[in-house]
PDB file of N, CA and C in Angstrom:
ATOM      1  N   MET A   1      47.881-209.073-111.317  1.00  0.00           N
ATOM      2  CA  MET A   1      48.939-208.283-111.921  1.00  0.00           C
ATOM      3  C   MET A   1      49.615-209.096-113.025  1.00  0.00           C
ATOM      4  N   GLY A   2      49.736-208.550-114.216  1.00  0.00           N
ATOM      5  CA  GLY A   2      50.289-209.268-115.352  1.00  0.00           C
ATOM      6  C   GLY A   2      51.810-209.208-115.399  1.00  0.00           C
ATOM      7  N   PHE A   3      52.360-210.115-116.154  1.00  0.00           N
ATOM      8  CA  PHE A   3      53.799-210.178-116.364  1.00  0.00           C
ATOM      9  C   PHE A   3      54.205-209.092-117.353  1.00  0.00           C
ATOM     10  N   VAL A   4      55.216-208.337-117.000  1.00  0.00           N
ATOM     11  CA  VAL A   4      55.726-207.297-117.884  1.00  0.00           C
ATOM     12  C   VAL A   4      57.068-207.759-118.444  1.00  0.00           C
ATOM     13  N   LYS A   5      57.147-207.846-119.760  1.00  0.00           N
ATOM     14  CA  LYS A   5      58.389-208.265-120.413  1.00  0.00           C
ATOM     15  C   LYS A   5      59.403-207.131-120.359  1.00  0.00           C
ATOM     16  N   ARG A   6      60.577-207.465-119.875  1.00  0.00           N
ATOM     17  CA  ARG A   6      61.657-206.485-119.857  1.00  0.00           C
ATOM     18  C   ARG A   6      62.343-206.481-121.219  1.00  0.00           C
ATOM     19  N   PRO A   7      62.579-205.302-121.776  1.00  0.00           N
ATOM     20  CA  PRO A   7      63.275-205.248-123.071  1.00  0.00           C
ATOM     21  C   PRO A   7      64.636-205.940-122.987  1.00  0.00           C
ATOM     22  N   ASN A   8      64.970-206.664-124.037  1.00  0.00           N
ATOM     23  CA  ASN A   8      66.190-207.451-124.121  1.00  0.00           C
ATOM     24  C   ASN A   8      67.183-206.738-125.039  1.00  0.00           C
ATOM     25  N   ILE A   9      68.349-206.404-124.500  1.00  0.00           N
ATOM     26  CA  ILE A   9      69.361-205.645-125.240  1.00  0.00           C
ATOM     27  C   ILE A   9      70.619-206.485-125.405  1.00  0.00           C
ATOM     28  N   LEU A  10      71.144-206.526-126.623  1.00  0.00           N
ATOM     29  CA  LEU A  10      72.432-207.161-126.901  1.00  0.00           C
ATOM     30  C   LEU A  10      73.489-206.067-127.003  1.00  0.00           C
ATOM     31  N   ILE A  11      74.549-206.203-126.210  1.00  0.00           N
ATOM     32  CA  ILE A  11      75.683-205.279-126.293  1.00  0.00           C
ATOM     33  C   ILE A  11      76.845-206.035-126.924  1.00  0.00           C
ATOM     34  N   VAL A  12      77.305-205.548-128.072  1.00  0.00           N
ATOM     35  CA  VAL A  12      78.455-206.140-128.757  1.00  0.00           C
ATOM     36  C   VAL A  12      79.624-205.176-128.560  1.00  0.00           C
ATOM     37  N   GLU A  13      80.521-205.561-127.662  1.00  0.00           N
ATOM     38  CA  GLU A  13      81.632-204.691-127.253  1.00  0.00           C
ATOM     39  C   GLU A  13      82.769-205.570-126.760  1.00  0.00           C
ATOM     40  N   ASP A  14      83.983-205.364-127.287  1.00  0.00           N
ATOM     41  CA  ASP A  14      85.109-206.188-126.862  1.00  0.00           C
ATOM     42  C   ASP A  14      85.934-205.568-125.731  1.00  0.00           C
ATOM     43  N   ASP A  15      85.630-204.361-125.342  1.00  0.00           N
ATOM     44  CA  ASP A  15      86.240-203.747-124.164  1.00  0.00           C
ATOM     45  C   ASP A  15      85.368-204.170-122.976  1.00  0.00           C
ATOM     46  N   ILE A  16      85.783-205.221-122.282  1.00  0.00           N
ATOM     47  CA  ILE A  16      84.937-205.846-121.268  1.00  0.00           C
ATOM     48  C   ILE A  16      84.557-204.884-120.135  1.00  0.00           C
ATOM     49  N   PRO A  17      85.486-204.105-119.575  1.00  0.00           N
ATOM     50  CA  PRO A  17      85.069-203.163-118.524  1.00  0.00           C
ATOM     51  C   PRO A  17      84.019-202.161-119.020  1.00  0.00           C
ATOM     52  N   LEU A  18      84.152-201.725-120.255  1.00  0.00           N
ATOM     53  CA  LEU A  18      83.183-200.796-120.837  1.00  0.00           C
ATOM     54  C   LEU A  18      81.830-201.491-121.033  1.00  0.00           C
ATOM     55  N   ALA A  19      81.852-202.713-121.555  1.00  0.00           N
ATOM     56  CA  ALA A  19      80.620-203.478-121.740  1.00  0.00           C
ATOM     57  C   ALA A  19      79.918-203.706-120.408  1.00  0.00           C
ATOM     58  N   GLU A  20      80.689-204.009-119.371  1.00  0.00           N
ATOM     59  CA  GLU A  20      80.114-204.227-118.039  1.00  0.00           C
ATOM     60  C   GLU A  20      79.503-202.933-117.486  1.00  0.00           C
ATOM     61  N   ALA A  21      80.121-201.801-117.775  1.00  0.00           N
ATOM     62  CA  ALA A  21      79.570-200.508-117.330  1.00  0.00           C
ATOM     63  C   ALA A  21      78.238-200.235-118.025  1.00  0.00           C
ATOM     64  N   TYR A  22      78.178-200.471-119.335  1.00  0.00           N
ATOM     65  CA  TYR A  22      76.917-200.308-120.065  1.00  0.00           C
ATOM     66  C   TYR A  22      75.854-201.237-119.476  1.00  0.00           C
ATOM     67  N   LYS A  23      76.249-202.497-119.271  1.00  0.00           N
ATOM     68  CA  LYS A  23      75.313-203.505-118.766  1.00  0.00           C
ATOM     69  C   LYS A  23      74.760-203.105-117.402  1.00  0.00           C
ATOM     70  N   SER A  24      75.631-202.703-116.523  1.00  0.00           N
ATOM     71  CA  SER A  24      75.210-202.320-115.173  1.00  0.00           C
ATOM     72  C   SER A  24      74.222-201.153-115.207  1.00  0.00           C
ATOM     73  N   ALA A  25      74.548-200.140-115.992  1.00  0.00           N
ATOM     74  CA  ALA A  25      73.678-198.958-116.083  1.00  0.00           C
ATOM     75  C   ALA A  25      72.302-199.330-116.643  1.00  0.00           C
ATOM     76  N   LEU A  26      72.265-200.192-117.634  1.00  0.00           N
ATOM     77  CA  LEU A  26      70.995-200.565-118.258  1.00  0.00           C
ATOM     78  C   LEU A  26      70.193-201.529-117.382  1.00  0.00           C
ATOM     79  N   GLU A  27      70.876-202.410-116.674  1.00  0.00           N
ATOM     80  CA  GLU A  27      70.164-203.319-115.776  1.00  0.00           C
ATOM     81  C   GLU A  27      69.527-202.563-114.611  1.00  0.00           C
ATOM     82  N   GLU A  28      70.156-201.482-114.176  1.00  0.00           N
ATOM     83  CA  GLU A  28      69.564-200.652-113.127  1.00  0.00           C
ATOM     84  C   GLU A  28      68.213-200.089-113.570  1.00  0.00           C
ATOM     85  N   LEU A  29      68.047-199.929-114.873  1.00  0.00           N
ATOM     86  CA  LEU A  29      66.791-199.420-115.430  1.00  0.00           C
ATOM     87  C   LEU A  29      65.831-200.545-115.808  1.00  0.00           C
ATOM     88  N   ARG A  30      66.151-201.765-115.360  1.00  0.00           N
ATOM     89  CA  ARG A  30      65.273-202.925-115.537  1.00  0.00           C
ATOM     90  C   ARG A  30      65.284-203.505-116.955  1.00  0.00           C
ATOM     91  N   TYR A  31      66.363-203.276-117.698  1.00  0.00           N
ATOM     92  CA  TYR A  31      66.519-203.925-118.992  1.00  0.00           C
ATOM     93  C   TYR A  31      67.233-205.258-118.774  1.00  0.00           C
ATOM     94  N   THR A  32      66.940-206.228-119.622  1.00  0.00           N
ATOM     95  CA  THR A  32      67.703-207.474-119.648  1.00  0.00           C
ATOM     96  C   THR A  32      68.838-207.250-120.635  1.00  0.00           C
ATOM     97  N   VAL A  33      70.059-207.564-120.226  1.00  0.00           N
ATOM     98  CA  VAL A  33      71.223-207.272-121.061  1.00  0.00           C
ATOM     99  C   VAL A  33      72.054-208.539-121.273  1.00  0.00           C
ATOM    100  N   VAL A  34      72.412-208.773-122.534  1.00  0.00           N
ATOM    101  CA  VAL A  34      73.255-209.894-122.927  1.00  0.00           C
ATOM    102  C   VAL A  34      74.499-209.307-123.582  1.00  0.00           C
ATOM    103  N   LEU A  35      75.672-209.864-123.241  1.00  0.00           N
ATOM    104  CA  LEU A  35      76.929-209.364-123.799  1.00  0.00           C
ATOM    105  C   LEU A  35      77.490-210.320-124.847  1.00  0.00           C
ATOM    106  N   ALA A  36      78.182-209.747-125.818  1.00  0.00           N
ATOM    107  CA  ALA A  36      78.955-210.510-126.800  1.00  0.00           C
ATOM    108  C   ALA A  36      80.211-209.701-127.088  1.00  0.00           C
ATOM    109  N   ASP A  37      81.368-210.368-127.065  1.00  0.00           N
ATOM    110  CA  ASP A  37      82.624-209.637-127.267  1.00  0.00           C
ATOM    111  C   ASP A  37      83.276-209.910-128.619  1.00  0.00           C
ATOM    112  N   SER A  38      82.543-210.597-129.503  1.00  0.00           N
ATOM    113  CA  SER A  38      83.084-210.890-130.833  1.00  0.00           C
ATOM    114  C   SER A  38      81.936-211.010-131.829  1.00  0.00           C
ATOM    115  N   PRO A  39      82.226-210.830-133.108  1.00  0.00           N
ATOM    116  CA  PRO A  39      81.176-211.007-134.111  1.00  0.00           C
ATOM    117  C   PRO A  39      80.573-212.408-134.069  1.00  0.00           C
ATOM    118  N   SER A  40      81.400-213.439-133.913  1.00  0.00           N
ATOM    119  CA  SER A  40      80.864-214.801-133.933  1.00  0.00           C
ATOM    120  C   SER A  40      79.908-215.039-132.769  1.00  0.00           C
ATOM    121  N   LEU A  41      80.235-214.560-131.580  1.00  0.00           N
ATOM    122  CA  LEU A  41      79.343-214.726-130.436  1.00  0.00           C
ATOM    123  C   LEU A  41      78.068-213.901-130.624  1.00  0.00           C
ATOM    124  N   ALA A  42      78.212-212.699-131.138  1.00  0.00           N
ATOM    125  CA  ALA A  42      77.041-211.849-131.381  1.00  0.00           C
ATOM    126  C   ALA A  42      76.101-212.499-132.392  1.00  0.00           C
ATOM    127  N   ILE A  43      76.647-213.037-133.463  1.00  0.00           N
ATOM    128  CA  ILE A  43      75.830-213.685-134.495  1.00  0.00           C
ATOM    129  C   ILE A  43      75.112-214.898-133.908  1.00  0.00           C
ATOM    130  N   SER A  44      75.800-215.667-133.103  1.00  0.00           N
ATOM    131  CA  SER A  44      75.179-216.810-132.446  1.00  0.00           C
ATOM    132  C   SER A  44      74.016-216.367-131.560  1.00  0.00           C
ATOM    133  N   ARG A  45      74.228-215.323-130.789  1.00  0.00           N
ATOM    134  CA  ARG A  45      73.170-214.817-129.905  1.00  0.00           C
ATOM    135  C   ARG A  45      71.974-214.307-130.731  1.00  0.00           C
ATOM    136  N   ILE A  46      72.249-213.590-131.814  1.00  0.00           N
ATOM    137  CA  ILE A  46      71.179-213.048-132.659  1.00  0.00           C
ATOM    138  C   ILE A  46      70.344-214.176-133.264  1.00  0.00           C
ATOM    139  N   LYS A  47      71.007-215.255-133.647  1.00  0.00           N
ATOM    140  CA  LYS A  47      70.286-216.366-134.276  1.00  0.00           C
ATOM    141  C   LYS A  47      69.484-217.183-133.268  1.00  0.00           C
ATOM    142  N   ASN A  48      69.820-217.072-131.984  1.00  0.00           N
ATOM    143  CA  ASN A  48      69.175-217.900-130.966  1.00  0.00           C
ATOM    144  C   ASN A  48      68.298-217.142-129.983  1.00  0.00           C
ATOM    145  N   GLN A  49      68.300-215.834-130.050  1.00  0.00           N
ATOM    146  CA  GLN A  49      67.506-215.031-129.129  1.00  0.00           C
ATOM    147  C   GLN A  49      66.873-213.878-129.886  1.00  0.00           C
ATOM    148  N   THR A  50      65.844-213.311-129.289  1.00  0.00           N
ATOM    149  CA  THR A  50      65.207-212.130-129.853  1.00  0.00           C
ATOM    150  C   THR A  50      65.627-210.926-129.018  1.00  0.00           C
ATOM    151  N   PHE A  51      66.059-209.887-129.694  1.00  0.00           N
ATOM    152  CA  PHE A  51      66.481-208.673-129.006  1.00  0.00           C
ATOM    153  C   PHE A  51      65.601-207.505-129.427  1.00  0.00           C
ATOM    154  N   ASP A  52      65.418-206.594-128.492  1.00  0.00           N
ATOM    155  CA  ASP A  52      64.650-205.376-128.759  1.00  0.00           C
ATOM    156  C   ASP A  52      65.549-204.241-129.222  1.00  0.00           C
ATOM    157  N   LEU A  53      66.862-204.383-128.947  1.00  0.00           N
ATOM    158  CA  LEU A  53      67.837-203.347-129.300  1.00  0.00           C
ATOM    159  C   LEU A  53      69.221-203.979-129.295  1.00  0.00           C
ATOM    160  N   ILE A  54      70.071-203.507-130.214  1.00  0.00           N
ATOM    161  CA  ILE A  54      71.462-203.969-130.265  1.00  0.00           C
ATOM    162  C   ILE A  54      72.371-202.751-130.203  1.00  0.00           C
ATOM    163  N   LEU A  55      73.298-202.762-129.238  1.00  0.00           N
ATOM    164  CA  LEU A  55      74.364-201.759-129.173  1.00  0.00           C
ATOM    165  C   LEU A  55      75.579-202.407-129.817  1.00  0.00           C
ATOM    166  N   LEU A  56      76.076-201.830-130.876  1.00  0.00           N
ATOM    167  CA  LEU A  56      77.091-202.486-131.696  1.00  0.00           C
ATOM    168  C   LEU A  56      78.328-201.617-131.879  1.00  0.00           C
ATOM    169  N   ASP A  57      79.451-202.111-131.353  1.00  0.00           N
ATOM    170  CA  ASP A  57      80.740-201.475-131.613  1.00  0.00           C
ATOM    171  C   ASP A  57      81.181-201.910-133.011  1.00  0.00           C
ATOM    172  N   LEU A  58      81.487-200.963-133.862  1.00  0.00           N
ATOM    173  CA  LEU A  58      81.900-201.299-135.228  1.00  0.00           C
ATOM    174  C   LEU A  58      83.294-201.880-135.310  1.00  0.00           C
ATOM    175  N   HIS A  59      84.172-201.465-134.411  1.00  0.00           N
ATOM    176  CA  HIS A  59      85.578-201.858-134.500  1.00  0.00           C
ATOM    177  C   HIS A  59      85.921-202.808-133.360  1.00  0.00           C
ATOM    178  N   LEU A  60      85.807-204.093-133.652  1.00  0.00           N
ATOM    179  CA  LEU A  60      86.104-205.134-132.678  1.00  0.00           C
ATOM    180  C   LEU A  60      87.467-205.749-132.995  1.00  0.00           C
ATOM    181  N   ARG A  61      88.163-206.189-131.963  1.00  0.00           N
ATOM    182  CA  ARG A  61      89.489-206.780-132.180  1.00  0.00           C
ATOM    183  C   ARG A  61      89.421-208.027-133.061  1.00  0.00           C
ATOM    184  N   SER A  62      88.368-208.805-132.886  1.00  0.00           N
ATOM    185  CA  SER A  62      88.280-210.081-133.606  1.00  0.00           C
ATOM    186  C   SER A  62      87.415-209.996-134.861  1.00  0.00           C
ATOM    187  N   GLY A  63      87.153-208.810-135.329  1.00  0.00           N
ATOM    188  CA  GLY A  63      86.354-208.675-136.544  1.00  0.00           C
ATOM    189  C   GLY A  63      85.730-207.297-136.629  1.00  0.00           C
ATOM    190  N   ASN A  64      84.765-207.197-137.499  1.00  0.00           N
ATOM    191  CA  ASN A  64      84.157-205.916-137.789  1.00  0.00           C
ATOM    192  C   ASN A  64      82.659-205.996-137.507  1.00  0.00           C
ATOM    193  N   GLY A  65      82.113-204.964-136.882  1.00  0.00           N
ATOM    194  CA  GLY A  65      80.694-204.922-136.596  1.00  0.00           C
ATOM    195  C   GLY A  65      79.829-204.978-137.841  1.00  0.00           C
ATOM    196  N   VAL A  66      80.391-204.628-138.984  1.00  0.00           N
ATOM    197  CA  VAL A  66      79.636-204.687-140.238  1.00  0.00           C
ATOM    198  C   VAL A  66      79.230-206.134-140.538  1.00  0.00           C
ATOM    199  N   GLN A  67      80.053-207.108-140.105  1.00  0.00           N
ATOM    200  CA  GLN A  67      79.691-208.523-140.277  1.00  0.00           C
ATOM    201  C   GLN A  67      78.339-208.808-139.613  1.00  0.00           C
ATOM    202  N   ILE A  68      78.125-208.215-138.474  1.00  0.00           N
ATOM    203  CA  ILE A  68      76.884-208.422-137.726  1.00  0.00           C
ATOM    204  C   ILE A  68      75.717-207.750-138.453  1.00  0.00           C
ATOM    205  N   LEU A  69      75.951-206.556-138.965  1.00  0.00           N
ATOM    206  CA  LEU A  69      74.921-205.883-139.756  1.00  0.00           C
ATOM    207  C   LEU A  69      74.552-206.723-140.980  1.00  0.00           C
ATOM    208  N   ASP A  70      75.546-207.339-141.600  1.00  0.00           N
ATOM    209  CA  ASP A  70      75.283-208.202-142.760  1.00  0.00           C
ATOM    210  C   ASP A  70      74.368-209.366-142.389  1.00  0.00           C
ATOM    211  N   VAL A  71      74.580-209.945-141.217  1.00  0.00           N
ATOM    212  CA  VAL A  71      73.735-211.055-140.764  1.00  0.00           C
ATOM    213  C   VAL A  71      72.302-210.570-140.533  1.00  0.00           C
ATOM    214  N   LEU A  72      72.150-209.402-139.922  1.00  0.00           N
ATOM    215  CA  LEU A  72      70.807-208.861-139.699  1.00  0.00           C
ATOM    216  C   LEU A  72      70.069-208.655-141.023  1.00  0.00           C
ATOM    217  N   VAL A  73      70.765-208.113-141.995  1.00  0.00           N
ATOM    218  CA  VAL A  73      70.167-207.892-143.310  1.00  0.00           C
ATOM    219  C   VAL A  73      69.786-209.236-143.949  1.00  0.00           C
ATOM    220  N   ALA A  74      70.696-210.202-143.898  1.00  0.00           N
ATOM    221  CA  ALA A  74      70.432-211.516-144.495  1.00  0.00           C
ATOM    222  C   ALA A  74      69.239-212.193-143.827  1.00  0.00           C
ATOM    223  N   GLU A  75      69.176-212.134-142.503  1.00  0.00           N
ATOM    224  CA  GLU A  75      68.055-212.744-141.774  1.00  0.00           C
ATOM    225  C   GLU A  75      66.729-212.113-142.199  1.00  0.00           C
ATOM    226  N   SER A  76      66.732-210.799-142.352  1.00  0.00           N
ATOM    227  CA  SER A  76      65.484-210.119-142.712  1.00  0.00           C
ATOM    228  C   SER A  76      65.064-210.438-144.147  1.00  0.00           C
ATOM    229  N   HIS A  77      66.022-210.701-145.029  1.00  0.00           N
ATOM    230  CA  HIS A  77      65.693-211.041-146.413  1.00  0.00           C
ATOM    231  C   HIS A  77      65.235-212.495-146.539  1.00  0.00           C
ATOM    232  N   GLU A  78      65.808-213.379-145.712  1.00  0.00           N
ATOM    233  CA  GLU A  78      65.444-214.796-145.766  1.00  0.00           C
ATOM    234  C   GLU A  78      64.063-215.059-145.180  1.00  0.00           C
ATOM    235  N   ASP A  79      63.702-214.291-144.152  1.00  0.00           N
ATOM    236  CA  ASP A  79      62.449-214.526-143.442  1.00  0.00           C
ATOM    237  C   ASP A  79      61.701-213.206-143.298  1.00  0.00           C
ATOM    238  N   PRO A  80      60.647-213.012-144.075  1.00  0.00           N
ATOM    239  CA  PRO A  80      59.903-211.747-144.024  1.00  0.00           C
ATOM    240  C   PRO A  80      59.300-211.462-142.642  1.00  0.00           C
ATOM    241  N   GLU A  81      59.135-212.509-141.826  1.00  0.00           N
ATOM    242  CA  GLU A  81      58.581-212.344-140.479  1.00  0.00           C
ATOM    243  C   GLU A  81      59.658-211.932-139.462  1.00  0.00           C
ATOM    244  N   TYR A  82      60.926-212.027-139.862  1.00  0.00           N
ATOM    245  CA  TYR A  82      62.026-211.707-138.946  1.00  0.00           C
ATOM    246  C   TYR A  82      62.032-210.206-138.662  1.00  0.00           C
ATOM    247  N   ARG A  83      61.968-209.857-137.378  1.00  0.00           N
ATOM    248  CA  ARG A  83      61.985-208.451-136.983  1.00  0.00           C
ATOM    249  C   ARG A  83      63.407-208.084-136.567  1.00  0.00           C
ATOM    250  N   VAL A  84      64.011-207.201-137.325  1.00  0.00           N
ATOM    251  CA  VAL A  84      65.365-206.755-137.020  1.00  0.00           C
ATOM    252  C   VAL A  84      65.306-205.744-135.882  1.00  0.00           C
ATOM    253  N   ALA A  85      66.077-206.016-134.837  1.00  0.00           N
ATOM    254  CA  ALA A  85      66.153-205.077-133.718  1.00  0.00           C
ATOM    255  C   ALA A  85      66.844-203.804-134.177  1.00  0.00           C
ATOM    256  N   PRO A  86      66.393-202.654-133.686  1.00  0.00           N
ATOM    257  CA  PRO A  86      67.112-201.422-134.020  1.00  0.00           C
ATOM    258  C   PRO A  86      68.534-201.486-133.471  1.00  0.00           C
ATOM    259  N   VAL A  87      69.443-200.848-134.189  1.00  0.00           N
ATOM    260  CA  VAL A  87      70.866-200.874-133.831  1.00  0.00           C
ATOM    261  C   VAL A  87      71.330-199.468-133.478  1.00  0.00           C
ATOM    262  N   ILE A  88      72.068-199.372-132.373  1.00  0.00           N
ATOM    263  CA  ILE A  88      72.788-198.145-132.027  1.00  0.00           C
ATOM    264  C   ILE A  88      74.266-198.472-132.174  1.00  0.00           C
ATOM    265  N   LEU A  89      74.936-197.763-133.053  1.00  0.00           N
ATOM    266  CA  LEU A  89      76.373-197.957-133.225  1.00  0.00           C
ATOM    267  C   LEU A  89      77.122-197.250-132.106  1.00  0.00           C
ATOM    268  N   THR A  90      78.165-197.899-131.609  1.00  0.00           N
ATOM    269  CA  THR A  90      79.062-197.280-130.638  1.00  0.00           C
ATOM    270  C   THR A  90      80.474-197.525-131.145  1.00  0.00           C
ATOM    271  N   SER A  91      81.194-196.460-131.357  1.00  0.00           N
ATOM    272  CA  SER A  91      82.539-196.635-131.897  1.00  0.00           C
ATOM    273  C   SER A  91      83.336-195.354-131.713  1.00  0.00           C
ATOM    274  N   GLY A  92      84.652-195.494-131.716  1.00  0.00           N
ATOM    275  CA  GLY A  92      85.515-194.324-131.635  1.00  0.00           C
ATOM    276  C   GLY A  92      85.485-193.509-132.906  1.00  0.00           C
ATOM    277  N   GLN A  93      85.165-194.167-134.011  1.00  0.00           N
ATOM    278  CA  GLN A  93      85.109-193.499-135.306  1.00  0.00           C
ATOM    279  C   GLN A  93      84.027-194.158-136.147  1.00  0.00           C
ATOM    280  N   ILE A  94      83.102-193.362-136.637  1.00  0.00           N
ATOM    281  CA  ILE A  94      82.029-193.881-137.469  1.00  0.00           C
ATOM    282  C   ILE A  94      82.043-193.123-138.791  1.00  0.00           C
ATOM    283  N   GLU A  95      82.291-193.860-139.871  1.00  0.00           N
ATOM    284  CA  GLU A  95      82.319-193.256-141.195  1.00  0.00           C
ATOM    285  C   GLU A  95      80.996-193.559-141.891  1.00  0.00           C
ATOM    286  N   GLU A  96      80.313-192.506-142.309  1.00  0.00           N
ATOM    287  CA  GLU A  96      78.994-192.668-142.908  1.00  0.00           C
ATOM    288  C   GLU A  96      79.020-193.578-144.133  1.00  0.00           C
ATOM    289  N   GLY A  97      80.045-193.479-144.955  1.00  0.00           N
ATOM    290  CA  GLY A  97      80.132-194.307-146.154  1.00  0.00           C
ATOM    291  C   GLY A  97      80.176-195.792-145.840  1.00  0.00           C
ATOM    292  N   GLN A  98      80.734-196.126-144.694  1.00  0.00           N
ATOM    293  CA  GLN A  98      80.871-197.520-144.290  1.00  0.00           C
ATOM    294  C   GLN A  98      79.524-198.134-143.902  1.00  0.00           C
ATOM    295  N   ILE A  99      78.582-197.306-143.468  1.00  0.00           N
ATOM    296  CA  ILE A  99      77.338-197.835-142.908  1.00  0.00           C
ATOM    297  C   ILE A  99      76.076-197.399-143.653  1.00  0.00           C
ATOM    298  N   ILE A 100      76.218-196.629-144.714  1.00  0.00           N
ATOM    299  CA  ILE A 100      75.047-196.055-145.381  1.00  0.00           C
ATOM    300  C   ILE A 100      74.056-197.115-145.855  1.00  0.00           C
ATOM    301  N   GLU A 101      74.556-198.263-146.299  1.00  0.00           N
ATOM    302  CA  GLU A 101      73.643-199.291-146.806  1.00  0.00           C
ATOM    303  C   GLU A 101      72.817-199.933-145.696  1.00  0.00           C
ATOM    304  N   TYR A 102      73.160-199.666-144.442  1.00  0.00           N
ATOM    305  CA  TYR A 102      72.436-200.246-143.308  1.00  0.00           C
ATOM    306  C   TYR A 102      71.515-199.231-142.630  1.00  0.00           C
ATOM    307  N   ARG A 103      71.259-198.128-143.283  1.00  0.00           N
ATOM    308  CA  ARG A 103      70.509-197.027-142.661  1.00  0.00           C
ATOM    309  C   ARG A 103      69.119-197.422-142.186  1.00  0.00           C
ATOM    310  N   ASP A 104      68.523-198.459-142.796  1.00  0.00           N
ATOM    311  CA  ASP A 104      67.202-198.910-142.352  1.00  0.00           C
ATOM    312  C   ASP A 104      67.261-199.606-140.999  1.00  0.00           C
ATOM    313  N   TYR A 105      68.433-200.061-140.605  1.00  0.00           N
ATOM    314  CA  TYR A 105      68.590-200.815-139.369  1.00  0.00           C
ATOM    315  C   TYR A 105      69.212-199.978-138.251  1.00  0.00           C
ATOM    316  N   ILE A 106      70.038-199.025-138.630  1.00  0.00           N
ATOM    317  CA  ILE A 106      70.740-198.197-137.647  1.00  0.00           C
ATOM    318  C   ILE A 106      69.846-197.040-137.228  1.00  0.00           C
ATOM    319  N   LYS A 107      69.568-196.976-135.940  1.00  0.00           N
ATOM    320  CA  LYS A 107      68.660-195.954-135.413  1.00  0.00           C
ATOM    321  C   LYS A 107      69.381-194.914-134.567  1.00  0.00           C
ATOM    322  N   GLY A 108      70.695-195.035-134.485  1.00  0.00           N
ATOM    323  CA  GLY A 108      71.452-194.050-133.728  1.00  0.00           C
ATOM    324  C   GLY A 108      72.923-194.410-133.717  1.00  0.00           C
ATOM    325  N   ALA A 109      73.732-193.445-133.319  1.00  0.00           N
ATOM    326  CA  ALA A 109      75.173-193.663-133.231  1.00  0.00           C
ATOM    327  C   ALA A 109      75.722-192.830-132.083  1.00  0.00           C
ATOM    328  N   LEU A 110      76.649-193.436-131.356  1.00  0.00           N
ATOM    329  CA  LEU A 110      77.333-192.746-130.268  1.00  0.00           C
ATOM    330  C   LEU A 110      78.829-192.878-130.500  1.00  0.00           C
ATOM    331  N   VAL A 111      79.509-191.761-130.615  1.00  0.00           N
ATOM    332  CA  VAL A 111      80.949-191.774-130.832  1.00  0.00           C
ATOM    333  C   VAL A 111      81.638-191.771-129.471  1.00  0.00           C
ATOM    334  N   LYS A 112      82.498-192.761-129.268  1.00  0.00           N
ATOM    335  CA  LYS A 112      83.232-192.892-128.008  1.00  0.00           C
ATOM    336  C   LYS A 112      84.304-191.815-127.925  1.00  0.00           C
ATOM    337  N   PRO A 113      84.575-191.337-126.760  1.00  0.00           N
ATOM    338  CA  PRO A 113      83.923-191.649-125.486  1.00  0.00           C
ATOM    339  C   PRO A 113      82.619-190.857-125.349  1.00  0.00           C
ATOM    340  N   PHE A 114      81.641-191.459-124.693  1.00  0.00           N
ATOM    341  CA  PHE A 114      80.383-190.777-124.408  1.00  0.00           C
ATOM    342  C   PHE A 114      79.977-191.088-122.976  1.00  0.00           C
ATOM    343  N   GLN A 115      79.121-190.244-122.441  1.00  0.00           N
ATOM    344  CA  GLN A 115      78.642-190.414-121.075  1.00  0.00           C
ATOM    345  C   GLN A 115      77.567-191.495-121.027  1.00  0.00           C
ATOM    346  N   LEU A 116      77.498-192.221-119.924  1.00  0.00           N
ATOM    347  CA  LEU A 116      76.455-193.233-119.761  1.00  0.00           C
ATOM    348  C   LEU A 116      75.062-192.616-119.864  1.00  0.00           C
ATOM    349  N   ASP A 117      74.919-191.374-119.394  1.00  0.00           N
ATOM    350  CA  ASP A 117      73.624-190.695-119.499  1.00  0.00           C
ATOM    351  C   ASP A 117      73.187-190.558-120.955  1.00  0.00           C
ATOM    352  N   THR A 118      74.138-190.325-121.838  1.00  0.00           N
ATOM    353  CA  THR A 118      73.838-190.201-123.261  1.00  0.00           C
ATOM    354  C   THR A 118      73.347-191.544-123.807  1.00  0.00           C
ATOM    355  N   LEU A 119      74.022-192.612-123.406  1.00  0.00           N
ATOM    356  CA  LEU A 119      73.602-193.951-123.823  1.00  0.00           C
ATOM    357  C   LEU A 119      72.192-194.251-123.317  1.00  0.00           C
ATOM    358  N   ILE A 120      71.948-193.996-122.063  1.00  0.00           N
ATOM    359  CA  ILE A 120      70.638-194.275-121.463  1.00  0.00           C
ATOM    360  C   ILE A 120      69.546-193.487-122.175  1.00  0.00           C
ATOM    361  N   GLU A 121      69.806-192.231-122.459  1.00  0.00           N
ATOM    362  CA  GLU A 121      68.829-191.397-123.160  1.00  0.00           C
ATOM    363  C   GLU A 121      68.491-191.972-124.529  1.00  0.00           C
ATOM    364  N   LYS A 122      69.522-192.395-125.265  1.00  0.00           N
ATOM    365  CA  LYS A 122      69.327-192.954-126.610  1.00  0.00           C
ATOM    366  C   LYS A 122      68.534-194.259-126.527  1.00  0.00           C
ATOM    367  N   VAL A 123      68.872-195.118-125.570  1.00  0.00           N
ATOM    368  CA  VAL A 123      68.170-196.391-125.400  1.00  0.00           C
ATOM    369  C   VAL A 123      66.704-196.154-125.050  1.00  0.00           C
ATOM    370  N   GLN A 124      66.466-195.273-124.103  1.00  0.00           N
ATOM    371  CA  GLN A 124      65.091-194.989-123.675  1.00  0.00           C
ATOM    372  C   GLN A 124      64.256-194.389-124.802  1.00  0.00           C
ATOM    373  N   THR A 125      64.871-193.617-125.653  1.00  0.00           N
ATOM    374  CA  THR A 125      64.168-193.050-126.798  1.00  0.00           C
ATOM    375  C   THR A 125      63.691-194.141-127.753  1.00  0.00           C
ATOM    376  N   LEU A 126      64.517-195.171-127.938  1.00  0.00           N
ATOM    377  CA  LEU A 126      64.186-196.239-128.885  1.00  0.00           C
ATOM    378  C   LEU A 126      63.302-197.340-128.292  1.00  0.00           C
ATOM    379  N   LEU A 127      63.332-197.473-126.974  1.00  0.00           N
ATOM    380  CA  LEU A 127      62.513-198.520-126.349  1.00  0.00           C
ATOM    381  C   LEU A 127      61.348-197.912-125.600  1.00  0.00           C
TER     382      LEU A 127
END
């Protein structure tokens, strides 16, 4: 029997109880989940690990999720071999003008509040 790699998901969310709820629901489905509660921690994780999917809150207390999108774009331009993980935005308010330049990276958006079933469906569709 061969080893099956579990998809690795980065959740960038500064509402810790909410992030833990997402993590718990996704781990039940056998995903590996890593949390980051700030842009700086998320950027560090992105530079040091490979992710299959990123759930990204745009409005973080300690910064803006767009900073993280900028890093993904920069990484992909610096290294043609760099595979950018698809991004699902999660936010209370998502303005299309704010994110249009990242459309190649953003594969979905969930406006808070949303049901965990909706999140799971979106994740399963992309993975």
